[in-house]
Amino acid sequence: VCVCARARARTNTRHLRKLGFKKVYHKRQDFFQKVNDPDFMQSIELIWDNPPYTGAVLKERILRSLVASGKKFVLLLPSSILHSKLLQDIADLGKVQCVIPRYMHTGST
């Protein structure tokens, strides 16, 4: 599992290991370099991220890169993305799953 999220990365890494994931990769490296590195992408099965969406262009670039990689991925996204033309144009919606928590955790990170 490749954990790209910056906030709480150590906590997330520990949690994934407790769940049984033996190889959890988290390093501060350029996401776009890693997603285009065939050797790295071959070494992972899943990408889990909460990227800093600083605008629509970056969100689209991240989504396009992940879909093109062919790897399974999990992203924290606003629910409005589910009905967006952007997602419909980029991904096969038959493969998209949405998890909506029963409550929202608030607090400092």
Protein backbone atom coordinates (compact mmCIF):
# COMPACT_ATOMS: atom_id res chain seq x y z
CA VAL A 1 0.00 0.00 0.00
CA CYS A 2 1.32 3.43 -0.88
CA VAL A 3 0.09 6.07 1.57
CA CYS A 4 0.56 9.48 0.02
CA ALA A 5 -1.40 11.55 2.53
CA ARG A 6 0.75 13.99 4.44
CA ALA A 7 -1.39 14.58 7.50
CA ARG A 8 -1.38 11.77 10.04
CA ALA A 9 0.71 9.57 7.75
CA ARG A 10 2.46 7.76 10.59
CA THR A 11 -0.87 7.06 12.28
CA ASN A 12 -2.34 5.79 9.02
CA THR A 13 0.71 3.63 8.35
CA ARG A 14 0.49 2.02 11.80
CA HIS A 15 -3.24 1.45 11.36
CA LEU A 16 -2.74 -0.24 7.98
CA ARG A 17 -0.09 -2.51 9.45
CA LYS A 18 -2.45 -3.49 12.28
CA LEU A 19 -5.02 -4.39 9.61
CA GLY A 20 -2.52 -6.83 8.11
CA PHE A 21 -0.89 -4.84 5.32
CA LYS A 22 2.75 -5.90 5.50
CA LYS A 23 4.27 -3.47 3.01
CA VAL A 24 3.20 0.12 3.61
CA TYR A 25 5.15 2.76 1.72
CA HIS A 26 5.12 6.38 2.82
CA LYS A 27 7.81 8.87 1.89
CA ARG A 28 7.73 12.54 0.97
CA GLN A 29 8.27 12.21 -2.76
CA ASP A 30 6.70 13.68 -5.86
CA PHE A 31 3.44 11.83 -6.49
CA PHE A 32 3.53 12.39 -10.26
CA GLN A 33 7.07 11.02 -10.51
CA LYS A 34 6.13 7.91 -8.53
CA VAL A 35 2.91 7.23 -10.45
CA ASN A 36 4.93 7.35 -13.69
CA ASP A 37 7.69 5.07 -12.38
CA PRO A 38 6.90 1.56 -13.75
CA ASP A 39 9.12 -0.23 -11.21
CA PHE A 40 7.49 1.55 -8.28
CA MET A 41 3.96 1.06 -9.60
CA GLN A 42 4.64 -2.64 -10.10
CA SER A 43 5.69 -2.92 -6.44
CA ILE A 44 2.38 -1.65 -5.02
CA GLU A 45 -1.22 -2.85 -5.08
CA LEU A 46 -3.13 0.14 -3.72
CA ILE A 47 -2.75 3.91 -3.42
CA TRP A 48 -4.44 5.62 -0.47
CA ASP A 49 -4.35 9.42 -0.40
CA ASN A 50 -5.93 12.61 0.85
CA PRO A 51 -4.20 15.00 -1.54
CA PRO A 52 -4.16 18.77 -1.15
CA TYR A 53 -6.64 19.85 -3.80
CA THR A 54 -5.60 23.42 -4.48
CA GLY A 55 -7.81 23.67 -7.53
CA ALA A 56 -9.74 21.81 -10.19
CA VAL A 57 -6.67 21.41 -12.41
CA LEU A 58 -4.70 19.55 -9.72
CA LYS A 59 -7.70 17.37 -8.79
CA GLU A 60 -8.16 16.40 -12.45
CA ARG A 61 -4.45 15.70 -12.91
CA ILE A 62 -4.40 13.43 -9.83
CA LEU A 63 -7.53 11.54 -10.89
CA ARG A 64 -6.32 11.10 -14.46
CA SER A 65 -2.93 9.82 -13.24
CA LEU A 66 -4.50 7.31 -10.88
CA VAL A 67 -7.03 5.99 -13.41
CA ALA A 68 -4.30 5.71 -16.07
CA SER A 69 -2.09 3.76 -13.65
CA GLY A 70 -4.60 0.92 -13.51
CA LYS A 71 -3.98 0.52 -9.76
CA LYS A 72 -6.69 0.43 -7.15
CA PHE A 73 -6.88 3.69 -5.26
CA VAL A 74 -8.72 5.29 -2.37
CA LEU A 75 -9.13 9.07 -2.20
CA LEU A 76 -10.84 11.36 0.24
CA LEU A 77 -13.00 13.53 -2.01
CA PRO A 78 -16.07 15.72 -1.60
CA SER A 79 -19.24 13.77 -2.44
CA SER A 80 -20.06 16.30 -5.17
CA ILE A 81 -17.33 14.72 -7.32
CA LEU A 82 -19.55 11.64 -7.78
CA HIS A 83 -21.94 13.56 -10.00
CA SER A 84 -19.36 15.64 -11.80
CA LYS A 85 -18.68 15.53 -15.52
CA LEU A 86 -14.99 15.33 -14.61
CA LEU A 87 -15.33 11.93 -12.96
CA GLN A 88 -17.70 10.67 -15.66
CA ASP A 89 -15.14 11.61 -18.32
CA ILE A 90 -12.17 10.09 -16.49
CA ALA A 91 -13.35 6.90 -14.78
CA ASP A 92 -15.56 3.91 -15.45
CA LEU A 93 -18.36 4.70 -12.98
CA GLY A 94 -19.16 1.00 -12.74
CA LYS A 95 -15.87 0.61 -10.86
CA VAL A 96 -16.32 3.62 -8.56
CA GLN A 97 -17.37 3.02 -4.97
CA CYS A 98 -18.36 5.60 -2.42
CA VAL A 99 -18.10 5.26 1.34
CA ILE A 100 -20.02 7.80 3.38
CA PRO A 101 -19.25 7.76 7.11
CA ARG A 102 -22.14 7.75 9.57
CA TYR A 103 -20.61 10.70 11.37
CA MET A 104 -17.99 13.29 10.62
CA HIS A 105 -14.90 13.38 12.80
CA THR A 106 -13.73 16.90 13.51
CA GLY A 107 -10.54 17.87 15.22
CA SER A 108 -7.06 19.16 14.66
CA THR A 109 -4.54 17.20 12.64
